[in-house]
N, C-alpha and C. Protein backbone atom coordinates (compact mmCIF):
# COMPACT_ATOMS: atom_id res chain seq x y z
N UNK A 1 68.44 100.70 5.30
CA UNK A 1 69.41 99.68 4.94
C UNK A 1 68.69 98.41 4.49
N UNK A 2 69.15 97.82 3.38
CA UNK A 2 68.63 96.56 2.94
C UNK A 2 69.77 95.59 2.60
N UNK A 3 69.73 94.45 3.20
CA UNK A 3 70.79 93.41 2.95
C UNK A 3 70.25 92.35 2.02
N UNK A 4 71.12 91.98 1.03
CA UNK A 4 70.72 90.86 0.16
C UNK A 4 71.82 89.79 0.26
N UNK A 5 71.54 88.74 1.02
CA UNK A 5 72.57 87.67 1.16
C UNK A 5 72.75 86.90 -0.16
N UNK A 6 71.63 86.87 -0.96
CA UNK A 6 71.74 86.17 -2.29
C UNK A 6 72.73 86.90 -3.20
N UNK A 7 72.74 88.23 -3.18
CA UNK A 7 73.63 88.98 -4.00
C UNK A 7 74.93 89.36 -3.32
N UNK A 8 75.02 89.16 -1.98
CA UNK A 8 76.20 89.49 -1.26
C UNK A 8 76.43 91.01 -1.18
N UNK A 9 75.35 91.77 -1.14
CA UNK A 9 75.44 93.20 -1.13
C UNK A 9 74.54 93.88 -0.13
N UNK A 10 74.89 95.08 0.24
CA UNK A 10 74.09 95.90 1.20
C UNK A 10 73.82 97.24 0.53
N UNK A 11 72.51 97.66 0.50
CA UNK A 11 72.12 98.92 -0.01
C UNK A 11 71.74 99.85 1.14
N UNK A 12 72.19 101.11 1.11
CA UNK A 12 71.80 102.06 2.14
C UNK A 12 71.29 103.33 1.44
N UNK A 13 70.34 103.99 2.11
CA UNK A 13 69.84 105.25 1.57
C UNK A 13 69.96 106.31 2.63
N UNK A 14 70.22 107.59 2.23
CA UNK A 14 70.34 108.66 3.19
C UNK A 14 69.32 109.77 3.01
N UNK A 15 69.42 110.73 3.88
CA UNK A 15 68.38 111.83 3.93
C UNK A 15 68.50 112.76 2.69
N UNK A 16 69.61 112.71 2.04
CA UNK A 16 69.82 113.53 0.82
C UNK A 16 69.34 112.87 -0.44
N UNK A 17 68.91 111.61 -0.37
CA UNK A 17 68.44 110.89 -1.52
C UNK A 17 69.48 110.04 -2.21
N UNK A 18 70.64 109.88 -1.61
CA UNK A 18 71.67 109.08 -2.19
C UNK A 18 71.59 107.58 -1.76
N UNK A 19 71.99 106.70 -2.65
CA UNK A 19 72.02 105.28 -2.33
C UNK A 19 73.47 104.80 -2.53
N UNK A 20 73.94 104.05 -1.54
CA UNK A 20 75.26 103.49 -1.62
C UNK A 20 75.20 101.97 -1.54
N UNK A 21 75.95 101.28 -2.37
CA UNK A 21 75.96 99.83 -2.36
C UNK A 21 77.33 99.29 -1.91
N UNK A 22 77.23 98.38 -0.90
CA UNK A 22 78.51 97.86 -0.33
C UNK A 22 78.57 96.35 -0.51
N UNK A 23 79.79 95.83 -0.58
CA UNK A 23 80.06 94.39 -0.55
C UNK A 23 79.76 93.88 0.84
N UNK A 24 78.92 92.88 0.93
CA UNK A 24 78.51 92.36 2.23
C UNK A 24 79.67 91.72 3.04
N UNK A 25 80.61 91.16 2.32
CA UNK A 25 81.70 90.46 2.99
C UNK A 25 82.76 91.41 3.63
N UNK A 26 83.11 92.47 2.93
CA UNK A 26 84.16 93.34 3.40
C UNK A 26 83.69 94.80 3.59
N UNK A 27 82.42 95.08 3.26
CA UNK A 27 81.83 96.38 3.38
C UNK A 27 82.49 97.50 2.58
N UNK A 28 83.18 97.10 1.49
CA UNK A 28 83.79 98.05 0.57
C UNK A 28 82.70 98.64 -0.34
N UNK A 29 82.81 99.91 -0.63
CA UNK A 29 81.81 100.58 -1.49
C UNK A 29 81.88 100.11 -2.92
N UNK A 30 80.77 99.65 -3.41
CA UNK A 30 80.72 99.20 -4.83
C UNK A 30 80.34 100.32 -5.75
N UNK A 31 79.26 101.07 -5.40
CA UNK A 31 78.87 102.19 -6.24
C UNK A 31 77.99 103.14 -5.36
N UNK A 32 77.85 104.35 -5.84
CA UNK A 32 77.05 105.40 -5.22
C UNK A 32 76.15 105.98 -6.29
N UNK A 33 74.86 106.15 -5.90
CA UNK A 33 73.88 106.68 -6.86
C UNK A 33 73.16 107.88 -6.29
N UNK A 34 73.13 108.98 -7.06
CA UNK A 34 72.32 110.12 -6.67
C UNK A 34 70.91 109.91 -7.17
N UNK A 35 70.09 109.29 -6.39
CA UNK A 35 68.84 108.72 -6.85
C UNK A 35 67.60 109.64 -6.69
N UNK A 36 67.51 110.27 -5.49
CA UNK A 36 66.27 111.02 -5.19
C UNK A 36 66.59 112.45 -4.75
N UNK A 37 65.58 113.25 -4.78
CA UNK A 37 65.72 114.67 -4.29
C UNK A 37 65.50 114.87 -2.82
N UNK A 38 65.05 113.85 -2.15
CA UNK A 38 64.84 113.93 -0.69
C UNK A 38 65.08 112.51 -0.05
N UNK A 39 64.78 112.40 1.19
CA UNK A 39 65.11 111.24 1.98
C UNK A 39 64.67 109.90 1.36
N UNK A 40 65.56 108.96 1.33
CA UNK A 40 65.22 107.58 0.89
C UNK A 40 64.50 106.91 2.05
N UNK A 41 63.30 106.39 1.86
CA UNK A 41 62.49 105.80 2.94
C UNK A 41 62.51 104.30 2.90
N UNK A 42 62.75 103.70 1.76
CA UNK A 42 62.81 102.25 1.73
C UNK A 42 63.54 101.72 0.48
N UNK A 43 64.13 100.54 0.67
CA UNK A 43 64.91 99.87 -0.37
C UNK A 43 64.48 98.41 -0.33
N UNK A 44 64.41 97.75 -1.52
CA UNK A 44 63.97 96.38 -1.59
C UNK A 44 64.66 95.65 -2.73
N UNK A 45 65.30 94.50 -2.45
CA UNK A 45 65.88 93.63 -3.50
C UNK A 45 64.86 92.56 -3.85
N UNK A 46 64.97 92.10 -5.13
CA UNK A 46 64.22 90.85 -5.50
C UNK A 46 64.94 89.71 -4.79
N UNK A 47 64.22 88.59 -4.66
CA UNK A 47 64.89 87.41 -4.07
C UNK A 47 65.44 86.48 -5.11
N UNK A 48 66.01 85.39 -4.73
CA UNK A 48 66.72 84.50 -5.66
C UNK A 48 65.83 83.70 -6.56
N UNK A 49 64.47 83.81 -6.40
CA UNK A 49 63.51 83.09 -7.28
C UNK A 49 63.27 83.83 -8.53
N UNK A 50 63.70 85.09 -8.59
CA UNK A 50 63.45 85.94 -9.74
C UNK A 50 64.67 85.92 -10.69
N UNK A 51 64.35 85.71 -11.98
CA UNK A 51 65.44 85.60 -12.99
C UNK A 51 66.22 86.97 -13.05
N UNK A 52 65.53 88.06 -12.95
CA UNK A 52 66.18 89.39 -13.06
C UNK A 52 66.43 89.97 -11.70
N UNK A 53 67.67 90.38 -11.43
CA UNK A 53 68.01 90.93 -10.14
C UNK A 53 67.77 92.43 -10.15
N UNK A 54 66.84 92.87 -9.27
CA UNK A 54 66.40 94.25 -9.22
C UNK A 54 66.56 94.83 -7.81
N UNK A 55 66.71 96.18 -7.72
CA UNK A 55 66.64 96.93 -6.51
C UNK A 55 65.63 98.03 -6.72
N UNK A 56 64.64 98.18 -5.82
CA UNK A 56 63.77 99.34 -5.88
C UNK A 56 64.07 100.25 -4.73
N UNK A 57 63.98 101.55 -4.98
CA UNK A 57 64.16 102.57 -3.95
C UNK A 57 62.95 103.52 -4.02
N UNK A 58 62.52 104.03 -2.84
CA UNK A 58 61.41 104.94 -2.78
C UNK A 58 61.74 106.05 -1.78
N UNK A 59 61.07 107.15 -1.95
CA UNK A 59 61.51 108.36 -1.22
C UNK A 59 60.36 109.33 -0.90
N UNK A 60 60.68 110.32 -0.11
CA UNK A 60 59.78 111.39 0.18
C UNK A 60 59.48 112.18 -1.11
N UNK A 61 60.25 112.05 -2.16
CA UNK A 61 60.00 112.78 -3.40
C UNK A 61 58.93 112.17 -4.24
N UNK A 62 58.23 111.09 -3.73
CA UNK A 62 57.10 110.45 -4.33
C UNK A 62 57.46 109.55 -5.54
N UNK A 63 58.76 109.25 -5.68
CA UNK A 63 59.24 108.44 -6.81
C UNK A 63 59.73 107.12 -6.37
N UNK A 64 59.51 106.11 -7.23
CA UNK A 64 60.20 104.79 -7.08
C UNK A 64 61.10 104.59 -8.29
N UNK A 65 62.37 104.23 -7.98
CA UNK A 65 63.29 103.91 -9.06
C UNK A 65 63.55 102.41 -8.98
N UNK A 66 63.64 101.81 -10.14
CA UNK A 66 63.98 100.39 -10.24
C UNK A 66 65.34 100.24 -10.91
N UNK A 67 66.26 99.55 -10.32
CA UNK A 67 67.70 99.42 -10.78
C UNK A 67 68.02 98.00 -11.19
N UNK A 68 68.80 97.85 -12.20
CA UNK A 68 69.25 96.54 -12.64
C UNK A 68 70.59 96.20 -11.90
N UNK A 69 70.53 95.30 -10.95
CA UNK A 69 71.66 94.98 -10.10
C UNK A 69 72.85 94.45 -10.92
N UNK A 70 72.53 93.57 -11.89
CA UNK A 70 73.63 92.88 -12.60
C UNK A 70 74.28 93.77 -13.67
N UNK A 71 73.71 94.95 -13.94
CA UNK A 71 74.33 95.87 -14.91
C UNK A 71 74.71 97.19 -14.22
N UNK A 72 75.42 97.04 -13.10
CA UNK A 72 75.94 98.22 -12.45
C UNK A 72 74.92 99.16 -11.89
N UNK A 73 73.77 98.63 -11.51
CA UNK A 73 72.63 99.38 -10.96
C UNK A 73 72.17 100.47 -11.92
N UNK A 74 72.15 100.10 -13.18
CA UNK A 74 71.56 100.97 -14.20
C UNK A 74 70.08 101.12 -13.96
N UNK A 75 69.56 102.35 -14.05
CA UNK A 75 68.15 102.54 -13.81
C UNK A 75 67.31 102.04 -14.95
N UNK A 76 66.31 101.23 -14.62
CA UNK A 76 65.43 100.66 -15.60
C UNK A 76 64.09 101.36 -15.76
N UNK A 77 63.63 101.95 -14.67
CA UNK A 77 62.27 102.52 -14.69
C UNK A 77 62.10 103.46 -13.51
N UNK A 78 61.34 104.55 -13.72
CA UNK A 78 60.95 105.43 -12.66
C UNK A 78 59.42 105.50 -12.64
N UNK A 79 58.85 105.32 -11.47
CA UNK A 79 57.40 105.35 -11.28
C UNK A 79 57.01 106.52 -10.42
N UNK A 80 55.96 107.25 -10.85
CA UNK A 80 55.55 108.48 -10.06
C UNK A 80 54.06 108.49 -9.86
N UNK A 81 53.44 107.29 -9.55
CA UNK A 81 52.02 107.24 -9.40
C UNK A 81 51.49 107.42 -7.98
N UNK A 82 52.41 107.72 -7.00
CA UNK A 82 51.94 108.08 -5.67
C UNK A 82 51.92 109.59 -5.54
N UNK A 83 51.02 110.12 -4.71
CA UNK A 83 50.88 111.55 -4.58
C UNK A 83 51.52 112.12 -3.31
N UNK A 84 52.19 111.20 -2.53
CA UNK A 84 52.87 111.64 -1.33
C UNK A 84 54.06 110.68 -1.03
N UNK A 85 54.70 110.79 0.06
CA UNK A 85 55.85 109.99 0.43
C UNK A 85 55.51 108.50 0.33
N UNK A 86 56.49 107.73 -0.15
CA UNK A 86 56.28 106.27 -0.27
C UNK A 86 57.07 105.64 0.85
N UNK A 87 56.39 104.85 1.67
CA UNK A 87 56.97 104.29 2.91
C UNK A 87 57.43 102.85 2.75
N UNK A 88 56.93 102.07 1.81
CA UNK A 88 57.32 100.70 1.73
C UNK A 88 57.14 100.18 0.29
N UNK A 89 58.06 99.38 -0.18
CA UNK A 89 57.96 98.67 -1.46
C UNK A 89 58.31 97.23 -1.28
N UNK A 90 57.52 96.33 -1.89
CA UNK A 90 57.81 94.91 -1.82
C UNK A 90 57.70 94.28 -3.18
N UNK A 91 58.62 93.31 -3.42
CA UNK A 91 58.53 92.42 -4.63
C UNK A 91 57.90 91.13 -4.11
N UNK A 92 56.91 90.62 -4.88
CA UNK A 92 56.35 89.27 -4.52
C UNK A 92 56.14 88.47 -5.72
N UNK A 93 56.04 87.17 -5.55
CA UNK A 93 55.72 86.23 -6.64
C UNK A 93 56.91 86.01 -7.53
N UNK A 94 56.67 85.27 -8.60
CA UNK A 94 57.68 85.03 -9.63
C UNK A 94 57.01 84.69 -10.94
N UNK A 95 57.75 84.64 -12.01
CA UNK A 95 57.20 84.33 -13.34
C UNK A 95 56.07 85.28 -13.71
N UNK A 96 54.95 84.71 -14.17
CA UNK A 96 53.85 85.58 -14.58
C UNK A 96 53.13 86.24 -13.38
N UNK A 97 53.46 85.76 -12.18
CA UNK A 97 52.81 86.34 -10.98
C UNK A 97 53.72 87.35 -10.26
N UNK A 98 54.78 87.72 -10.88
CA UNK A 98 55.76 88.67 -10.30
C UNK A 98 55.15 90.04 -10.23
N UNK A 99 55.17 90.64 -9.03
CA UNK A 99 54.59 91.94 -8.77
C UNK A 99 55.47 92.86 -7.97
N UNK A 100 55.26 94.15 -8.08
CA UNK A 100 55.79 95.14 -7.09
C UNK A 100 54.63 95.85 -6.45
N UNK A 101 54.65 95.93 -5.14
CA UNK A 101 53.56 96.58 -4.39
C UNK A 101 54.18 97.70 -3.53
N UNK A 102 53.52 98.83 -3.54
CA UNK A 102 54.01 100.00 -2.71
C UNK A 102 52.85 100.61 -1.98
N UNK A 103 53.25 101.30 -0.83
CA UNK A 103 52.22 102.02 -0.03
C UNK A 103 52.83 103.30 0.46
N UNK A 104 52.01 104.22 0.96
CA UNK A 104 52.59 105.44 1.44
C UNK A 104 51.68 106.36 2.21
N UNK A 105 52.11 107.59 2.33
CA UNK A 105 51.41 108.60 3.12
C UNK A 105 50.14 109.09 2.37
N UNK A 106 49.98 108.78 1.12
CA UNK A 106 48.74 109.10 0.34
C UNK A 106 47.62 108.13 0.67
N UNK A 107 47.89 107.17 1.61
CA UNK A 107 46.88 106.25 2.09
C UNK A 107 46.52 105.16 1.03
N UNK A 108 47.33 105.02 0.03
CA UNK A 108 47.01 104.08 -1.04
C UNK A 108 48.02 102.90 -1.09
N UNK A 109 47.60 101.81 -1.67
CA UNK A 109 48.41 100.69 -1.99
C UNK A 109 48.30 100.47 -3.49
N UNK A 110 49.43 100.42 -4.19
CA UNK A 110 49.45 100.24 -5.62
C UNK A 110 50.12 98.91 -5.97
N UNK A 111 49.42 98.12 -6.74
CA UNK A 111 49.91 96.83 -7.23
C UNK A 111 50.31 96.95 -8.70
N UNK A 112 51.53 96.42 -8.99
CA UNK A 112 52.02 96.57 -10.38
C UNK A 112 52.49 95.21 -10.89
N UNK A 113 52.16 94.91 -12.11
CA UNK A 113 52.53 93.68 -12.73
C UNK A 113 53.75 93.92 -13.60
N UNK A 114 54.57 92.84 -13.74
CA UNK A 114 55.84 92.91 -14.52
C UNK A 114 55.62 92.30 -15.91
N UNK A 115 55.77 93.14 -16.94
CA UNK A 115 55.64 92.65 -18.29
C UNK A 115 56.62 93.34 -19.17
N UNK A 116 57.36 92.58 -20.00
CA UNK A 116 58.36 93.16 -20.95
C UNK A 116 59.33 94.08 -20.22
N UNK A 117 59.84 93.56 -19.11
CA UNK A 117 60.87 94.32 -18.35
C UNK A 117 60.42 95.62 -17.79
N UNK A 118 59.11 95.80 -17.65
CA UNK A 118 58.56 97.03 -17.07
C UNK A 118 57.44 96.70 -16.10
N UNK A 119 57.23 97.53 -15.10
CA UNK A 119 56.18 97.38 -14.18
C UNK A 119 55.00 98.30 -14.65
N UNK A 120 53.83 97.64 -14.81
CA UNK A 120 52.65 98.41 -15.23
C UNK A 120 51.64 98.38 -14.10
N UNK A 121 50.94 99.48 -13.92
CA UNK A 121 49.97 99.62 -12.84
C UNK A 121 48.81 98.67 -12.98
N UNK A 122 48.43 97.95 -11.91
CA UNK A 122 47.33 97.05 -11.89
C UNK A 122 46.26 97.56 -10.89
N UNK A 123 45.96 96.77 -9.91
CA UNK A 123 44.97 97.12 -8.89
C UNK A 123 45.56 98.13 -7.98
N UNK A 124 44.65 98.85 -7.33
CA UNK A 124 45.05 99.76 -6.20
C UNK A 124 43.88 99.89 -5.26
N UNK A 125 44.22 100.26 -4.02
CA UNK A 125 43.16 100.46 -3.00
C UNK A 125 43.56 101.61 -2.11
N UNK A 126 42.59 102.34 -1.55
CA UNK A 126 42.87 103.46 -0.70
C UNK A 126 42.08 103.34 0.61
N UNK A 127 42.70 103.84 1.68
CA UNK A 127 42.04 103.80 2.98
C UNK A 127 41.95 105.20 3.62
N UNK A 128 41.75 105.21 4.90
CA UNK A 128 41.60 106.49 5.63
C UNK A 128 42.81 106.78 6.44
N UNK A 129 43.83 105.90 6.42
CA UNK A 129 45.01 106.08 7.26
C UNK A 129 46.33 106.02 6.47
N UNK A 130 47.28 106.76 6.92
CA UNK A 130 48.61 106.70 6.35
C UNK A 130 49.19 105.33 6.62
N UNK A 131 49.89 104.72 5.67
CA UNK A 131 50.46 103.38 5.76
C UNK A 131 51.97 103.56 5.96
N UNK A 132 52.51 102.98 7.05
CA UNK A 132 53.95 103.23 7.36
C UNK A 132 54.85 102.03 7.02
N UNK A 133 54.30 100.88 6.94
CA UNK A 133 55.13 99.71 6.61
C UNK A 133 54.23 98.61 6.03
N UNK A 134 54.92 97.63 5.45
CA UNK A 134 54.18 96.54 4.71
C UNK A 134 55.02 95.29 4.84
N UNK A 135 54.31 94.19 4.92
CA UNK A 135 55.01 92.87 5.04
C UNK A 135 54.15 91.83 4.18
N UNK A 136 54.85 90.88 3.65
CA UNK A 136 54.18 89.84 2.83
C UNK A 136 54.15 88.56 3.69
N UNK A 137 52.93 87.88 3.64
CA UNK A 137 52.89 86.63 4.44
C UNK A 137 53.60 85.51 3.74
N UNK A 138 53.68 84.36 4.43
CA UNK A 138 54.50 83.26 3.95
C UNK A 138 53.94 82.64 2.69
N UNK A 139 52.68 82.83 2.35
CA UNK A 139 52.13 82.30 1.11
C UNK A 139 52.19 83.24 -0.07
N UNK A 140 52.58 84.50 0.21
CA UNK A 140 52.63 85.56 -0.76
C UNK A 140 51.22 85.89 -1.31
N UNK A 141 50.20 85.46 -0.59
CA UNK A 141 48.82 85.74 -0.99
C UNK A 141 48.29 86.96 -0.31
N UNK A 142 48.91 87.41 0.69
CA UNK A 142 48.40 88.59 1.47
C UNK A 142 49.54 89.53 1.83
N UNK A 143 49.25 90.77 1.90
CA UNK A 143 50.16 91.79 2.49
C UNK A 143 49.53 92.36 3.74
N UNK A 144 50.38 92.68 4.70
CA UNK A 144 49.96 93.24 5.96
C UNK A 144 50.49 94.62 6.05
N UNK A 145 49.65 95.58 6.42
CA UNK A 145 50.11 96.98 6.50
C UNK A 145 50.05 97.53 7.90
N UNK A 146 51.03 98.32 8.26
CA UNK A 146 51.07 99.05 9.55
C UNK A 146 50.41 100.40 9.36
N UNK A 147 49.30 100.63 10.06
CA UNK A 147 48.49 101.84 9.82
C UNK A 147 48.63 102.86 10.92
N UNK A 148 48.31 104.09 10.54
CA UNK A 148 48.40 105.21 11.50
C UNK A 148 47.55 105.03 12.74
N UNK A 149 46.43 104.34 12.62
CA UNK A 149 45.49 104.21 13.71
C UNK A 149 45.88 102.95 14.54
N UNK A 150 47.09 102.45 14.40
CA UNK A 150 47.67 101.33 15.17
C UNK A 150 47.00 99.97 14.89
N UNK A 151 46.30 99.87 13.76
CA UNK A 151 45.75 98.61 13.34
C UNK A 151 46.69 97.99 12.20
N UNK A 152 46.56 96.70 12.10
CA UNK A 152 47.16 96.03 11.02
C UNK A 152 46.04 95.60 10.01
N UNK A 153 46.14 96.01 8.81
CA UNK A 153 45.11 95.69 7.79
C UNK A 153 45.75 94.76 6.72
N UNK A 154 44.98 93.71 6.37
CA UNK A 154 45.51 92.67 5.48
C UNK A 154 44.75 92.77 4.16
N UNK A 155 45.50 92.65 3.05
CA UNK A 155 44.90 92.74 1.70
C UNK A 155 45.35 91.57 0.85
N UNK A 156 44.50 91.12 -0.07
CA UNK A 156 44.89 90.07 -1.01
C UNK A 156 45.78 90.62 -2.07
N UNK A 157 46.86 89.86 -2.43
CA UNK A 157 47.81 90.39 -3.44
C UNK A 157 47.24 90.22 -4.88
N UNK A 158 46.28 89.38 -5.14
CA UNK A 158 45.79 89.19 -6.46
C UNK A 158 44.59 90.05 -6.77
N UNK A 159 43.83 90.46 -5.72
CA UNK A 159 42.63 91.23 -6.01
C UNK A 159 42.59 92.59 -5.26
N UNK A 160 43.59 92.84 -4.41
CA UNK A 160 43.67 94.09 -3.66
C UNK A 160 42.52 94.26 -2.70
N UNK A 161 41.84 93.22 -2.36
CA UNK A 161 40.67 93.30 -1.46
C UNK A 161 41.15 93.24 0.01
N UNK A 162 40.49 94.08 0.85
CA UNK A 162 40.74 94.11 2.26
C UNK A 162 40.11 92.85 2.88
N UNK A 163 40.92 92.01 3.57
CA UNK A 163 40.39 90.80 4.07
C UNK A 163 40.32 90.67 5.59
N UNK A 164 41.10 91.55 6.31
CA UNK A 164 41.20 91.36 7.73
C UNK A 164 41.74 92.63 8.40
N UNK A 165 41.33 92.91 9.62
CA UNK A 165 41.91 93.98 10.42
C UNK A 165 42.04 93.50 11.88
N UNK A 166 43.22 93.77 12.46
CA UNK A 166 43.38 93.49 13.88
C UNK A 166 44.32 94.49 14.52
N UNK A 167 44.28 94.58 15.80
CA UNK A 167 45.10 95.57 16.48
C UNK A 167 46.59 95.24 16.44
N UNK A 168 47.41 96.24 16.22
CA UNK A 168 48.89 95.99 16.18
C UNK A 168 49.56 96.61 17.41
N UNK A 169 48.75 97.22 18.27
CA UNK A 169 49.28 97.78 19.55
C UNK A 169 48.12 97.90 20.54
N UNK A 170 48.41 97.63 21.81
CA UNK A 170 47.40 97.74 22.85
C UNK A 170 47.29 99.17 23.37
N UNK A 171 48.18 100.03 22.89
CA UNK A 171 48.16 101.41 23.33
C UNK A 171 47.05 102.22 22.67
N UNK A 172 46.64 103.29 23.30
CA UNK A 172 45.65 104.24 22.71
C UNK A 172 46.38 105.45 22.17
N UNK A 173 47.66 105.42 22.15
CA UNK A 173 48.47 106.55 21.64
C UNK A 173 49.51 106.06 20.64
N UNK A 174 50.01 107.02 19.88
CA UNK A 174 51.11 106.68 18.92
C UNK A 174 50.60 106.16 17.61
N UNK A 175 51.62 105.78 16.77
CA UNK A 175 51.36 105.31 15.44
C UNK A 175 52.19 104.02 15.23
N UNK A 176 51.56 103.09 14.54
CA UNK A 176 52.28 101.86 14.21
C UNK A 176 53.24 102.12 12.98
N UNK A 177 54.54 101.94 13.21
CA UNK A 177 55.48 102.38 12.14
C UNK A 177 56.23 101.18 11.51
N UNK A 178 56.29 100.01 12.18
CA UNK A 178 56.99 98.86 11.64
C UNK A 178 56.32 97.59 12.01
N UNK A 179 56.36 96.64 11.11
CA UNK A 179 55.90 95.26 11.43
C UNK A 179 56.79 94.30 10.66
N UNK A 180 56.89 93.04 11.25
CA UNK A 180 57.73 92.05 10.64
C UNK A 180 57.21 90.66 11.05
N UNK A 181 57.08 89.78 10.06
CA UNK A 181 56.66 88.40 10.28
C UNK A 181 57.90 87.53 10.56
N UNK A 182 57.77 86.54 11.43
CA UNK A 182 58.92 85.61 11.60
C UNK A 182 58.93 84.61 10.42
N UNK A 183 59.93 83.80 10.36
CA UNK A 183 60.14 82.89 9.19
C UNK A 183 59.00 81.83 9.07
N UNK A 184 58.42 81.48 10.17
CA UNK A 184 57.31 80.48 10.14
C UNK A 184 56.00 81.14 9.63
N UNK A 185 55.97 82.47 9.61
CA UNK A 185 54.74 83.17 9.19
C UNK A 185 53.62 83.15 10.23
N UNK A 186 53.93 82.74 11.44
CA UNK A 186 52.91 82.65 12.50
C UNK A 186 52.85 83.89 13.38
N UNK A 187 54.05 84.43 13.73
CA UNK A 187 54.11 85.56 14.66
C UNK A 187 54.46 86.85 13.95
N UNK A 188 53.88 87.91 14.39
CA UNK A 188 54.18 89.20 13.83
C UNK A 188 54.53 90.20 14.95
N UNK A 189 55.69 90.82 14.75
CA UNK A 189 56.19 91.82 15.71
C UNK A 189 55.86 93.23 15.20
N UNK A 190 55.44 94.08 16.06
CA UNK A 190 55.13 95.50 15.72
C UNK A 190 55.90 96.46 16.58
N UNK A 191 56.12 97.62 16.01
CA UNK A 191 56.78 98.73 16.74
C UNK A 191 55.92 99.94 16.63
N UNK A 192 55.67 100.61 17.75
CA UNK A 192 54.77 101.76 17.83
C UNK A 192 55.56 102.95 18.33
N UNK A 193 55.09 104.17 17.95
CA UNK A 193 55.83 105.38 18.39
C UNK A 193 55.62 105.65 19.87
N UNK A 194 54.78 104.88 20.55
CA UNK A 194 54.64 105.07 22.01
C UNK A 194 55.79 104.25 22.72
N UNK A 195 56.73 103.81 22.00
CA UNK A 195 57.97 103.10 22.53
C UNK A 195 57.71 101.66 22.98
N UNK A 196 56.70 101.02 22.42
CA UNK A 196 56.35 99.67 22.73
C UNK A 196 56.63 98.74 21.56
N UNK A 197 56.98 97.55 21.85
CA UNK A 197 57.08 96.44 20.90
C UNK A 197 56.07 95.38 21.31
N UNK A 198 55.38 94.83 20.34
CA UNK A 198 54.39 93.81 20.61
C UNK A 198 54.53 92.64 19.66
N UNK A 199 54.15 91.44 20.15
CA UNK A 199 54.20 90.25 19.29
C UNK A 199 52.79 89.63 19.30
N UNK A 200 52.25 89.37 18.09
CA UNK A 200 50.90 88.85 17.93
C UNK A 200 50.93 87.57 17.18
N UNK A 201 49.84 86.79 17.34
CA UNK A 201 49.62 85.59 16.47
C UNK A 201 48.89 86.11 15.24
N UNK A 202 49.55 85.97 14.06
CA UNK A 202 49.01 86.53 12.80
C UNK A 202 47.62 85.96 12.55
N UNK A 203 47.35 84.69 12.82
CA UNK A 203 46.06 84.06 12.47
C UNK A 203 44.94 84.36 13.40
N UNK A 204 45.21 84.49 14.72
CA UNK A 204 44.14 84.74 15.69
C UNK A 204 44.08 86.21 16.09
N UNK A 205 45.17 86.97 15.87
CA UNK A 205 45.20 88.35 16.28
C UNK A 205 45.50 88.52 17.80
N UNK A 206 45.72 87.49 18.52
CA UNK A 206 45.98 87.54 19.89
C UNK A 206 47.41 87.98 20.19
């Protein structure tokens, strides 16, 4: 589920690959899209700083679809540059710095630049662990990834360089599957498959 208060809409994805869009105020169905061949794993709206209103969806079928929100969710582009399930997609920046970043079970992070109404592949990086979730820091200069080995790894958004690693769980078991920064950008909450929730200081790692 992804909520956009700017657009007043809610997007949901199901295990069959369908996306449904609802009015946020009355939850009436606006449209339904047969988007993917398998489970939808993430949805992401652009924010109100972007001139063009977009929705991205990603799935176990290794595809990302980009939809034009203002034109009835018409599909604008399909990207197939991941080799396994895609677990997270984020839009960051604006203007000439507008990017879409995705990560997944192929252990890679792909950075794409927006030019002429299309996303083109830019930098990419690969690691040794499956990436289950991704968050953008308050400066939009770094992305944080939730990794299979329970670590949080931080990468620069402009150069795709790995800048920092710290523990996202005190457990020696399970997998880190979700992370979220608070609005101040200071605290990060994590969720692990060992049924624990943890809160860390993003800057110190404590």
